């Protein structure tokens, strides 16, 4: 599913939230997926790396239609040069007017990208439902495979994502970028299920 909506607006509202504090930067040997959680005693959530994109970046507010590569690893939005901070997020259900990155750069906090990592456990083969919405680019990567993408510039429109899973434990990555002005929103949430759970990775 790829949608494109181009829009412009000169003013926006920044809604401050009680976000968690950034965590210490990892060393070169850090594994972003960590170890498989102890599913009997784990904390729900994700580890996020937040990147601040410059207004001068060629992929920001493009004059022509721009769809990024289907593989986010081919994009430079997540290079270390843009890394602003890292933190643990207990939920990715932020809704609209979510502006997490502000370093007083020109046009902050409008343009940013995030990669979250976590683990998904599916106890029995199942169809799982996720509440989803993003403005703009979004990927869900499960065990290295892109299972869902919605790339390009488009509005935040909540919907339900349905995916089939075999039983097992999966490292997951949620990749997001906001590149198109003053309206923003993100929602990614596993709809309550006794057959599945998402937990923080465990780090040494």
N, C-alpha and C. Protein backbone atom coordinates (compact mmCIF):
# COMPACT_ATOMS: atom_id res chain seq x y z
N UNK A 1 0.86 -1.18 0.00
CA UNK A 1 0.00 0.00 0.00
C UNK A 1 0.89 1.22 0.00
N UNK A 2 0.81 2.00 -1.03
CA UNK A 2 1.60 3.22 -1.12
C UNK A 2 0.66 4.34 -1.47
N UNK A 3 0.68 5.38 -0.63
CA UNK A 3 -0.21 6.50 -0.89
C UNK A 3 0.60 7.78 -0.88
N UNK A 4 0.11 8.80 -1.56
CA UNK A 4 0.81 10.07 -1.63
C UNK A 4 -0.18 11.20 -1.49
N UNK A 5 0.10 12.08 -0.50
CA UNK A 5 -0.69 13.30 -0.36
C UNK A 5 0.30 14.43 -0.16
N UNK A 6 0.31 15.40 -1.02
CA UNK A 6 1.17 16.56 -0.85
C UNK A 6 0.36 17.66 -0.22
N UNK A 7 0.90 18.28 0.84
CA UNK A 7 0.18 19.36 1.47
C UNK A 7 1.17 20.30 2.11
N UNK A 8 0.73 21.51 2.40
CA UNK A 8 1.61 22.51 2.99
C UNK A 8 0.83 23.31 4.01
N UNK A 9 1.53 23.74 5.04
CA UNK A 9 0.91 24.54 6.09
C UNK A 9 2.01 25.32 6.75
N UNK A 10 1.76 26.55 7.12
CA UNK A 10 2.83 27.41 7.64
C UNK A 10 2.93 27.41 9.15
N UNK A 11 1.90 26.90 9.87
CA UNK A 11 1.94 26.92 11.31
C UNK A 11 1.56 25.56 11.84
N UNK A 12 2.11 25.21 13.01
CA UNK A 12 1.76 23.96 13.63
C UNK A 12 1.90 24.10 15.13
N UNK A 13 1.26 23.19 15.83
CA UNK A 13 1.27 23.19 17.29
C UNK A 13 2.15 22.06 17.79
N UNK A 14 3.02 22.35 18.72
CA UNK A 14 3.87 21.34 19.32
C UNK A 14 3.23 20.92 20.64
N UNK A 15 2.84 19.66 20.72
CA UNK A 15 2.25 19.13 21.94
C UNK A 15 3.35 18.47 22.76
N UNK A 16 3.69 19.05 23.90
CA UNK A 16 4.70 18.49 24.77
C UNK A 16 4.13 17.29 25.51
N UNK A 17 4.95 16.24 25.67
CA UNK A 17 4.52 15.05 26.36
C UNK A 17 5.53 14.70 27.44
N UNK A 18 5.10 13.82 28.34
CA UNK A 18 6.01 13.31 29.35
C UNK A 18 6.77 12.13 28.77
N UNK A 19 7.66 12.43 27.82
CA UNK A 19 8.42 11.37 27.18
C UNK A 19 9.53 10.89 28.10
N UNK A 20 9.97 9.64 27.93
CA UNK A 20 11.09 9.15 28.75
C UNK A 20 12.37 9.86 28.39
N UNK A 21 13.31 9.84 29.33
CA UNK A 21 14.61 10.46 29.08
C UNK A 21 15.41 9.63 28.09
N UNK A 22 16.29 10.28 27.31
CA UNK A 22 17.17 9.50 26.44
C UNK A 22 18.07 8.57 27.25
N UNK A 23 18.49 7.48 26.61
CA UNK A 23 19.39 6.54 27.26
C UNK A 23 20.80 6.81 26.77
N UNK A 24 21.78 6.23 27.46
CA UNK A 24 23.18 6.41 27.09
C UNK A 24 23.44 5.86 25.70
N UNK A 25 24.32 6.52 24.96
CA UNK A 25 24.65 6.05 23.62
C UNK A 25 25.41 4.72 23.72
N UNK A 26 25.10 3.76 22.85
CA UNK A 26 25.76 2.46 22.92
C UNK A 26 27.17 2.52 22.38
N UNK A 27 27.97 1.48 22.70
CA UNK A 27 29.30 1.40 22.12
C UNK A 27 29.20 0.72 20.76
N UNK A 28 30.36 0.54 20.11
CA UNK A 28 30.37 0.03 18.74
C UNK A 28 29.88 -1.41 18.63
N UNK A 29 29.94 -2.16 19.73
CA UNK A 29 29.54 -3.56 19.71
C UNK A 29 28.08 -3.77 20.11
N UNK A 30 27.35 -2.69 20.29
CA UNK A 30 25.97 -2.78 20.76
C UNK A 30 25.07 -3.44 19.73
N UNK A 31 24.22 -4.34 20.17
CA UNK A 31 23.27 -5.04 19.31
C UNK A 31 21.90 -4.40 19.47
N UNK A 32 21.36 -3.74 18.44
CA UNK A 32 20.10 -3.01 18.61
C UNK A 32 18.91 -3.91 18.92
N UNK A 33 19.01 -5.22 18.63
CA UNK A 33 17.92 -6.13 18.94
C UNK A 33 18.08 -6.77 20.32
N UNK A 34 19.28 -6.68 20.90
CA UNK A 34 19.50 -7.28 22.20
C UNK A 34 19.26 -8.77 22.18
N UNK A 35 19.02 -9.33 23.37
CA UNK A 35 18.75 -10.75 23.51
C UNK A 35 17.25 -11.01 23.57
N UNK A 36 16.86 -12.24 23.28
CA UNK A 36 15.45 -12.62 23.40
C UNK A 36 14.98 -12.34 24.83
N UNK A 37 13.84 -11.68 25.01
CA UNK A 37 13.38 -11.36 26.37
C UNK A 37 13.01 -12.61 27.17
N UNK A 38 12.98 -12.44 28.49
CA UNK A 38 12.38 -13.44 29.37
C UNK A 38 10.88 -13.18 29.33
N UNK A 39 10.15 -13.98 28.58
CA UNK A 39 8.75 -13.71 28.33
C UNK A 39 7.88 -13.83 29.58
N UNK A 40 8.40 -14.47 30.62
CA UNK A 40 7.65 -14.57 31.87
C UNK A 40 7.78 -13.31 32.72
N UNK A 41 8.75 -12.46 32.37
CA UNK A 41 9.00 -11.26 33.18
C UNK A 41 9.66 -10.21 32.31
N UNK A 42 8.90 -9.66 31.36
CA UNK A 42 9.50 -8.66 30.46
C UNK A 42 8.61 -7.42 30.42
N UNK A 43 9.19 -6.33 29.99
CA UNK A 43 8.50 -5.04 29.92
C UNK A 43 8.09 -4.77 28.48
N UNK A 44 6.85 -4.40 28.29
CA UNK A 44 6.37 -4.10 26.95
C UNK A 44 7.04 -2.83 26.44
N UNK A 45 7.38 -2.84 25.16
CA UNK A 45 7.90 -1.61 24.59
C UNK A 45 8.99 -1.83 23.55
N UNK A 46 9.68 -0.73 23.24
CA UNK A 46 10.59 -0.67 22.11
C UNK A 46 11.81 0.18 22.47
N UNK A 47 12.92 -0.10 21.82
CA UNK A 47 14.08 0.78 21.91
C UNK A 47 14.13 1.62 20.65
N UNK A 48 14.15 2.95 20.80
CA UNK A 48 14.09 3.85 19.66
C UNK A 48 15.35 4.66 19.46
N UNK A 49 15.79 4.78 18.22
CA UNK A 49 16.87 5.69 17.82
C UNK A 49 16.25 6.79 16.98
N UNK A 50 16.38 8.03 17.44
CA UNK A 50 15.72 9.19 16.83
C UNK A 50 16.74 10.02 16.06
N UNK A 51 16.36 10.42 14.85
CA UNK A 51 17.25 11.15 13.95
C UNK A 51 16.60 12.47 13.55
N UNK A 52 17.40 13.53 13.52
CA UNK A 52 16.92 14.84 13.14
C UNK A 52 17.35 15.14 11.70
N UNK A 53 16.38 15.34 10.81
CA UNK A 53 16.68 15.56 9.41
C UNK A 53 16.72 17.06 9.10
N UNK A 54 17.74 17.48 8.40
CA UNK A 54 17.93 18.88 8.06
C UNK A 54 16.93 19.32 7.00
N UNK A 55 16.51 20.59 7.09
CA UNK A 55 15.64 21.17 6.07
C UNK A 55 16.34 21.15 4.71
N UNK A 56 17.68 21.06 4.70
CA UNK A 56 18.44 21.05 3.46
C UNK A 56 18.60 19.66 2.86
N UNK A 57 18.10 18.64 3.56
CA UNK A 57 18.21 17.29 3.01
C UNK A 57 17.36 17.19 1.75
N UNK A 58 17.85 16.56 0.69
CA UNK A 58 17.11 16.53 -0.59
C UNK A 58 15.80 15.76 -0.52
N UNK A 59 15.60 14.94 0.50
CA UNK A 59 14.35 14.17 0.60
C UNK A 59 13.30 14.85 1.45
N UNK A 60 13.55 16.08 1.88
CA UNK A 60 12.60 16.83 2.70
C UNK A 60 11.75 17.73 1.81
N UNK A 61 10.43 17.67 1.99
CA UNK A 61 9.50 18.51 1.23
C UNK A 61 9.87 18.56 -0.25
N UNK A 62 9.97 17.42 -0.91
CA UNK A 62 10.40 17.44 -2.31
C UNK A 62 9.39 18.14 -3.20
N UNK A 63 9.91 18.80 -4.24
CA UNK A 63 9.04 19.50 -5.17
C UNK A 63 8.32 18.53 -6.09
N UNK A 64 8.91 17.37 -6.32
CA UNK A 64 8.27 16.37 -7.15
C UNK A 64 7.94 15.15 -6.29
N UNK A 65 7.08 14.29 -6.81
CA UNK A 65 6.72 13.09 -6.07
C UNK A 65 7.98 12.27 -5.79
N UNK A 66 8.14 11.87 -4.53
CA UNK A 66 9.31 11.10 -4.15
C UNK A 66 8.88 9.91 -3.32
N UNK A 67 9.15 8.73 -3.81
CA UNK A 67 8.95 7.52 -3.04
C UNK A 67 10.32 6.95 -2.71
N UNK A 68 10.60 6.74 -1.44
CA UNK A 68 11.91 6.20 -1.10
C UNK A 68 12.03 4.74 -1.51
N UNK A 69 13.23 4.23 -1.41
CA UNK A 69 13.46 2.81 -1.66
C UNK A 69 12.52 1.98 -0.80
N UNK A 70 12.09 0.82 -1.32
CA UNK A 70 11.26 -0.06 -0.52
C UNK A 70 12.02 -0.58 0.69
N UNK A 71 13.34 -0.56 0.65
CA UNK A 71 14.17 -1.00 1.77
C UNK A 71 14.74 0.23 2.46
N UNK A 72 14.35 0.50 3.71
CA UNK A 72 14.85 1.71 4.38
C UNK A 72 16.34 1.69 4.63
N UNK A 73 16.97 0.51 4.57
CA UNK A 73 18.41 0.44 4.78
C UNK A 73 19.18 1.09 3.64
N UNK A 74 18.49 1.37 2.52
CA UNK A 74 19.15 2.07 1.43
C UNK A 74 19.09 3.58 1.54
N UNK A 75 18.50 4.09 2.62
CA UNK A 75 18.35 5.53 2.83
C UNK A 75 19.35 6.03 3.85
N UNK A 76 19.75 7.29 3.72
CA UNK A 76 20.73 7.83 4.68
C UNK A 76 20.06 8.55 5.85
N UNK A 77 18.75 8.51 5.95
CA UNK A 77 18.03 9.21 7.02
C UNK A 77 18.42 8.70 8.40
N UNK A 78 18.95 7.48 8.45
CA UNK A 78 19.25 6.83 9.72
C UNK A 78 20.76 6.72 9.95
N UNK A 79 21.53 7.57 9.26
CA UNK A 79 22.98 7.60 9.47
C UNK A 79 23.30 8.23 10.82
N UNK A 80 24.45 7.87 11.37
CA UNK A 80 24.87 8.39 12.67
C UNK A 80 24.95 9.91 12.68
N UNK A 81 25.22 10.52 11.51
CA UNK A 81 25.36 11.98 11.49
C UNK A 81 24.06 12.68 11.87
N UNK A 82 22.92 11.99 11.73
CA UNK A 82 21.63 12.60 12.05
C UNK A 82 21.09 12.15 13.42
N UNK A 83 21.82 11.27 14.11
CA UNK A 83 21.30 10.72 15.37
C UNK A 83 21.17 11.83 16.41
N UNK A 84 19.97 11.97 16.98
CA UNK A 84 19.71 12.97 18.01
C UNK A 84 19.77 12.36 19.40
N UNK A 85 19.10 11.23 19.61
CA UNK A 85 19.12 10.56 20.92
C UNK A 85 18.51 9.17 20.77
N UNK A 86 18.63 8.39 21.83
CA UNK A 86 18.00 7.07 21.90
C UNK A 86 17.25 6.97 23.22
N UNK A 87 16.17 6.17 23.22
CA UNK A 87 15.41 6.01 24.45
C UNK A 87 14.51 4.78 24.32
N UNK A 88 13.93 4.35 25.44
CA UNK A 88 12.95 3.29 25.46
C UNK A 88 11.55 3.90 25.44
N UNK A 89 10.69 3.36 24.59
CA UNK A 89 9.31 3.82 24.48
C UNK A 89 8.38 2.67 24.83
N UNK A 90 7.53 2.87 25.82
CA UNK A 90 6.61 1.82 26.22
C UNK A 90 5.46 1.66 25.25
N UNK A 91 5.19 2.68 24.44
CA UNK A 91 4.09 2.64 23.47
C UNK A 91 4.47 3.46 22.25
N UNK A 92 3.95 3.06 21.08
CA UNK A 92 4.10 3.84 19.85
C UNK A 92 2.75 4.37 19.38
N UNK A 93 1.83 4.49 20.30
CA UNK A 93 0.49 5.00 19.98
C UNK A 93 0.46 6.49 20.32
N UNK A 94 1.09 7.31 19.45
CA UNK A 94 1.24 8.74 19.73
C UNK A 94 0.14 9.59 19.15
N UNK A 95 -0.60 9.07 18.18
CA UNK A 95 -1.65 9.87 17.57
C UNK A 95 -1.08 11.04 16.78
N UNK A 96 -1.86 12.12 16.68
CA UNK A 96 -1.45 13.29 15.89
C UNK A 96 -0.69 14.31 16.74
N UNK A 97 -0.02 15.24 16.04
CA UNK A 97 0.74 16.32 16.68
C UNK A 97 1.79 15.78 17.64
N UNK A 98 2.58 14.86 17.13
CA UNK A 98 3.68 14.27 17.91
C UNK A 98 4.99 14.78 17.34
N UNK A 99 5.75 15.50 18.18
CA UNK A 99 6.98 16.16 17.72
C UNK A 99 8.11 15.86 18.70
N UNK A 100 8.78 14.71 18.58
CA UNK A 100 9.74 14.29 19.61
C UNK A 100 11.14 14.88 19.51
N UNK A 101 11.52 15.42 18.35
CA UNK A 101 12.91 15.83 18.14
C UNK A 101 12.97 17.33 17.91
N UNK A 102 13.63 18.03 18.81
CA UNK A 102 13.79 19.48 18.66
C UNK A 102 15.15 19.87 19.21
N UNK A 103 16.08 20.16 18.31
CA UNK A 103 17.43 20.56 18.68
C UNK A 103 17.72 22.00 18.26
N UNK A 104 16.66 22.76 18.01
CA UNK A 104 16.78 24.15 17.58
C UNK A 104 17.43 24.30 16.21
N UNK A 105 17.34 23.24 15.40
CA UNK A 105 17.75 23.37 14.02
C UNK A 105 16.68 24.16 13.26
N UNK A 106 17.03 24.66 12.10
CA UNK A 106 16.05 25.35 11.26
C UNK A 106 14.88 24.42 10.96
N UNK A 107 13.66 24.91 11.21
CA UNK A 107 12.42 24.19 10.96
C UNK A 107 12.14 23.06 11.96
N UNK A 108 12.99 22.89 12.98
CA UNK A 108 12.64 21.92 14.02
C UNK A 108 11.31 22.32 14.65
N UNK A 109 10.48 21.35 15.02
CA UNK A 109 10.71 19.89 15.07
C UNK A 109 10.08 19.13 13.92
N UNK A 110 10.02 19.71 12.75
CA UNK A 110 9.17 19.13 11.70
C UNK A 110 9.71 17.86 11.06
N UNK A 111 11.02 17.72 10.86
CA UNK A 111 11.52 16.65 10.02
C UNK A 111 12.42 15.72 10.83
N UNK A 112 12.02 14.45 10.91
CA UNK A 112 12.78 13.51 11.72
C UNK A 112 12.49 12.09 11.27
N UNK A 113 13.29 11.15 11.76
CA UNK A 113 13.11 9.74 11.45
C UNK A 113 13.43 8.94 12.70
N UNK A 114 12.84 7.75 12.79
CA UNK A 114 13.03 6.90 13.98
C UNK A 114 13.11 5.44 13.55
N UNK A 115 13.99 4.69 14.22
CA UNK A 115 14.01 3.23 14.13
C UNK A 115 13.79 2.66 15.53
N UNK A 116 12.78 1.80 15.65
CA UNK A 116 12.54 1.11 16.92
C UNK A 116 12.82 -0.37 16.73
N UNK A 117 13.37 -1.01 17.77
CA UNK A 117 13.56 -2.45 17.76
C UNK A 117 12.89 -3.05 18.98
N UNK A 118 12.42 -4.28 18.81
CA UNK A 118 11.79 -5.00 19.90
C UNK A 118 11.70 -6.46 19.51
N UNK A 119 10.95 -7.24 20.31
CA UNK A 119 10.72 -8.65 20.02
C UNK A 119 9.23 -8.93 20.05
N UNK A 120 8.80 -9.76 19.11
CA UNK A 120 7.41 -10.22 19.05
C UNK A 120 7.40 -11.73 19.29
N UNK A 121 6.53 -12.17 20.21
CA UNK A 121 6.33 -13.60 20.39
C UNK A 121 4.90 -13.96 20.03
N UNK A 122 4.77 -15.00 19.18
CA UNK A 122 3.46 -15.53 18.79
C UNK A 122 3.41 -16.96 19.33
N UNK A 123 2.47 -17.23 20.21
CA UNK A 123 2.44 -18.51 20.91
C UNK A 123 1.89 -19.64 20.04
N UNK A 124 0.92 -19.35 19.21
CA UNK A 124 0.37 -20.31 18.26
C UNK A 124 0.15 -19.60 16.93
N UNK A 125 0.21 -20.35 15.83
CA UNK A 125 -0.05 -19.76 14.51
C UNK A 125 -1.31 -18.90 14.58
N UNK A 126 -1.19 -17.67 14.04
CA UNK A 126 -2.32 -16.76 14.23
C UNK A 126 -2.31 -15.65 13.19
N UNK A 127 -3.47 -15.03 13.04
CA UNK A 127 -3.61 -13.77 12.32
C UNK A 127 -3.64 -12.67 13.37
N UNK A 128 -2.66 -11.77 13.32
CA UNK A 128 -2.57 -10.68 14.29
C UNK A 128 -3.04 -9.38 13.65
N UNK A 129 -3.66 -8.56 14.47
CA UNK A 129 -4.12 -7.25 14.03
C UNK A 129 -3.34 -6.16 14.77
N UNK A 130 -2.96 -5.12 14.03
CA UNK A 130 -2.24 -3.98 14.57
C UNK A 130 -3.00 -2.71 14.21
N UNK A 131 -3.19 -1.85 15.19
CA UNK A 131 -3.72 -0.52 14.91
C UNK A 131 -2.58 0.32 14.35
N UNK A 132 -2.81 0.95 13.21
CA UNK A 132 -1.72 1.59 12.47
C UNK A 132 -2.16 2.91 11.86
N UNK A 133 -1.24 3.86 11.84
CA UNK A 133 -1.40 5.10 11.10
C UNK A 133 -0.08 5.84 11.11
N UNK A 134 0.29 6.49 10.00
CA UNK A 134 1.57 7.19 9.94
C UNK A 134 1.54 8.28 8.90
N UNK A 135 2.22 9.35 9.20
CA UNK A 135 2.49 10.43 8.26
C UNK A 135 3.95 10.85 8.46
N UNK A 136 4.91 10.31 7.71
CA UNK A 136 4.73 9.85 6.34
C UNK A 136 5.16 8.36 6.18
N UNK A 137 6.46 8.11 6.01
CA UNK A 137 6.97 6.80 5.60
C UNK A 137 6.98 5.82 6.77
N UNK A 138 6.57 4.57 6.48
CA UNK A 138 6.48 3.57 7.54
C UNK A 138 6.83 2.19 6.99
N UNK A 139 7.64 1.46 7.76
CA UNK A 139 7.96 0.07 7.45
C UNK A 139 7.83 -0.77 8.72
N UNK A 140 7.33 -2.00 8.59
CA UNK A 140 7.38 -3.00 9.65
C UNK A 140 8.23 -4.15 9.13
N UNK A 141 9.35 -4.42 9.81
CA UNK A 141 10.29 -5.46 9.40
C UNK A 141 10.29 -6.53 10.48
N UNK A 142 10.02 -7.76 10.09
CA UNK A 142 9.95 -8.89 11.02
C UNK A 142 11.01 -9.91 10.63
N UNK A 143 11.94 -10.13 11.55
CA UNK A 143 13.02 -11.10 11.32
C UNK A 143 13.73 -10.83 10.00
N UNK A 144 13.98 -9.54 9.73
CA UNK A 144 14.71 -9.14 8.54
C UNK A 144 13.88 -9.03 7.28
N UNK A 145 12.59 -9.36 7.34
CA UNK A 145 11.72 -9.31 6.16
C UNK A 145 10.72 -8.16 6.29
N UNK A 146 10.62 -7.33 5.25
CA UNK A 146 9.63 -6.26 5.25
C UNK A 146 8.25 -6.88 5.08
N UNK A 147 7.43 -6.78 6.14
CA UNK A 147 6.09 -7.37 6.11
C UNK A 147 5.01 -6.35 5.78
N UNK A 148 5.32 -5.07 5.94
CA UNK A 148 4.34 -4.02 5.64
C UNK A 148 5.10 -2.73 5.36
N UNK A 149 4.67 -1.99 4.35
CA UNK A 149 5.26 -0.68 4.09
C UNK A 149 4.18 0.26 3.57
N UNK A 150 4.36 1.52 3.91
CA UNK A 150 3.45 2.59 3.48
C UNK A 150 4.32 3.83 3.30
N UNK A 151 4.95 3.94 2.14
CA UNK A 151 5.97 4.97 1.94
C UNK A 151 5.46 6.09 1.05
N UNK A 152 6.16 7.23 1.13
CA UNK A 152 5.73 8.42 0.42
C UNK A 152 5.12 9.41 1.39
N UNK A 153 4.73 10.56 0.86
CA UNK A 153 4.18 11.63 1.69
C UNK A 153 2.67 11.49 1.74
N UNK A 154 2.13 11.30 2.94
CA UNK A 154 0.69 11.09 3.07
C UNK A 154 0.22 11.45 4.46
N UNK A 155 -1.08 11.62 4.61
CA UNK A 155 -1.67 12.03 5.87
C UNK A 155 -1.73 10.87 6.86
N UNK A 156 -1.93 11.23 8.12
CA UNK A 156 -2.16 10.26 9.18
C UNK A 156 -3.61 9.79 9.11
N UNK A 157 -3.80 8.53 8.74
CA UNK A 157 -5.14 7.95 8.61
C UNK A 157 -5.16 6.62 9.34
N UNK A 158 -5.72 6.56 10.55
CA UNK A 158 -5.71 5.31 11.31
C UNK A 158 -6.45 4.19 10.58
N UNK A 159 -5.89 2.98 10.67
CA UNK A 159 -6.49 1.81 10.06
C UNK A 159 -6.03 0.58 10.84
N UNK A 160 -6.38 -0.60 10.35
CA UNK A 160 -5.98 -1.85 10.98
C UNK A 160 -5.15 -2.65 9.99
N UNK A 161 -3.97 -3.08 10.43
CA UNK A 161 -3.07 -3.91 9.64
C UNK A 161 -3.25 -5.35 10.10
N UNK A 162 -3.43 -6.28 9.18
CA UNK A 162 -3.64 -7.69 9.50
C UNK A 162 -2.53 -8.52 8.87
N UNK A 163 -1.83 -9.31 9.69
CA UNK A 163 -0.71 -10.10 9.20
C UNK A 163 -0.76 -11.52 9.77
N UNK A 164 -0.34 -12.47 8.96
CA UNK A 164 -0.28 -13.88 9.38
C UNK A 164 1.09 -14.17 9.99
N UNK A 165 1.09 -14.94 11.10
CA UNK A 165 2.33 -15.33 11.74
C UNK A 165 2.28 -16.80 12.14
N UNK A 166 3.43 -17.47 11.97
CA UNK A 166 3.59 -18.77 12.58
C UNK A 166 4.07 -18.58 14.01
N UNK A 167 3.87 -19.59 14.84
CA UNK A 167 4.33 -19.48 16.22
C UNK A 167 5.85 -19.31 16.24
N UNK A 168 6.34 -18.51 17.18
CA UNK A 168 7.78 -18.29 17.27
C UNK A 168 8.11 -16.95 17.90
N UNK A 169 9.41 -16.66 17.96
CA UNK A 169 9.92 -15.40 18.50
C UNK A 169 10.62 -14.66 17.36
N UNK A 170 10.29 -13.38 17.21
CA UNK A 170 10.77 -12.62 16.06
C UNK A 170 11.36 -11.29 16.51
N UNK A 171 12.60 -10.96 16.08
CA UNK A 171 13.04 -9.57 16.23
C UNK A 171 12.26 -8.70 15.25
N UNK A 172 11.77 -7.56 15.72
CA UNK A 172 11.00 -6.67 14.85
C UNK A 172 11.63 -5.29 14.84
N UNK A 173 11.41 -4.59 13.74
CA UNK A 173 11.90 -3.23 13.57
C UNK A 173 10.78 -2.39 12.98
N UNK A 174 10.50 -1.28 13.62
CA UNK A 174 9.52 -0.32 13.11
C UNK A 174 10.30 0.91 12.67
N UNK A 175 10.15 1.28 11.41
CA UNK A 175 10.93 2.37 10.83
C UNK A 175 9.96 3.45 10.35
N UNK A 176 10.26 4.70 10.71
CA UNK A 176 9.33 5.80 10.45
C UNK A 176 10.10 7.06 10.10
N UNK A 177 9.52 7.86 9.21
CA UNK A 177 10.10 9.18 8.89
C UNK A 177 8.98 10.17 8.59
N UNK A 178 9.14 11.37 9.12
CA UNK A 178 8.20 12.46 8.82
C UNK A 178 8.96 13.51 8.01
N UNK A 179 8.49 13.76 6.75
CA UNK A 179 9.25 14.60 5.83
C UNK A 179 8.43 15.70 5.19
N UNK A 180 7.18 15.93 5.65
CA UNK A 180 6.31 16.77 4.81
C UNK A 180 5.51 17.80 5.59
N UNK A 181 6.18 18.60 6.37
CA UNK A 181 5.51 19.77 6.90
C UNK A 181 4.91 19.61 8.28
N UNK A 182 3.83 20.35 8.52
CA UNK A 182 3.40 20.63 9.88
C UNK A 182 2.35 19.69 10.43
N UNK A 183 1.87 18.72 9.66
CA UNK A 183 0.92 17.75 10.19
C UNK A 183 1.63 16.41 10.34
N UNK A 184 1.49 15.83 11.52
CA UNK A 184 2.23 14.61 11.79
C UNK A 184 1.39 13.68 12.64
N UNK A 185 1.69 12.39 12.58
CA UNK A 185 1.02 11.44 13.44
C UNK A 185 1.61 10.07 13.29
N UNK A 186 1.56 9.29 14.38
CA UNK A 186 2.05 7.91 14.34
C UNK A 186 1.24 7.06 15.31
N UNK A 187 0.87 5.87 14.84
CA UNK A 187 0.25 4.88 15.70
C UNK A 187 0.68 3.50 15.23
N UNK A 188 1.24 2.71 16.16
CA UNK A 188 1.51 1.31 15.90
C UNK A 188 1.27 0.57 17.20
N UNK A 189 0.27 -0.31 17.20
CA UNK A 189 -0.09 -1.01 18.44
C UNK A 189 -0.66 -2.38 18.11
N UNK A 190 -0.13 -3.40 18.76
CA UNK A 190 -0.70 -4.73 18.66
C UNK A 190 -2.05 -4.72 19.35
N UNK A 191 -3.11 -5.03 18.60
CA UNK A 191 -4.43 -5.10 19.20
C UNK A 191 -4.45 -6.27 20.17
N UNK A 192 -4.95 -6.05 21.35
CA UNK A 192 -4.82 -6.97 22.48
C UNK A 192 -5.09 -8.41 22.06
N UNK A 193 -4.13 -9.28 22.40
CA UNK A 193 -4.23 -10.68 22.03
C UNK A 193 -3.57 -11.52 23.11
N UNK A 194 -4.24 -12.61 23.51
CA UNK A 194 -3.64 -13.54 24.46
C UNK A 194 -2.60 -14.43 23.79
N UNK A 195 -2.51 -14.33 22.48
CA UNK A 195 -1.64 -15.23 21.72
C UNK A 195 -0.35 -14.56 21.27
N UNK A 196 -0.14 -13.30 21.65
CA UNK A 196 1.06 -12.60 21.17
C UNK A 196 1.45 -11.52 22.17
N UNK A 197 2.73 -11.16 22.15
CA UNK A 197 3.24 -10.10 23.03
C UNK A 197 4.45 -9.44 22.37
N UNK A 198 4.64 -8.16 22.68
CA UNK A 198 5.82 -7.41 22.24
C UNK A 198 6.56 -6.95 23.48
N UNK A 199 7.87 -7.23 23.54
CA UNK A 199 8.65 -6.88 24.73
C UNK A 199 9.98 -6.24 24.34
N UNK A 200 10.47 -5.42 25.30
CA UNK A 200 11.81 -4.84 25.13
C UNK A 200 12.84 -5.94 24.92
N UNK A 201 13.85 -5.68 24.12
CA UNK A 201 15.00 -6.57 24.11
C UNK A 201 15.75 -6.49 25.43
N UNK A 202 16.54 -7.50 25.73
CA UNK A 202 17.38 -7.48 26.92
C UNK A 202 18.81 -7.19 26.48
N UNK A 203 19.43 -6.23 27.16
CA UNK A 203 20.78 -5.80 26.80
C UNK A 203 21.76 -6.20 27.90
N UNK A 204 22.99 -6.49 27.47
CA UNK A 204 24.03 -6.83 28.44
C UNK A 204 24.41 -5.61 29.25
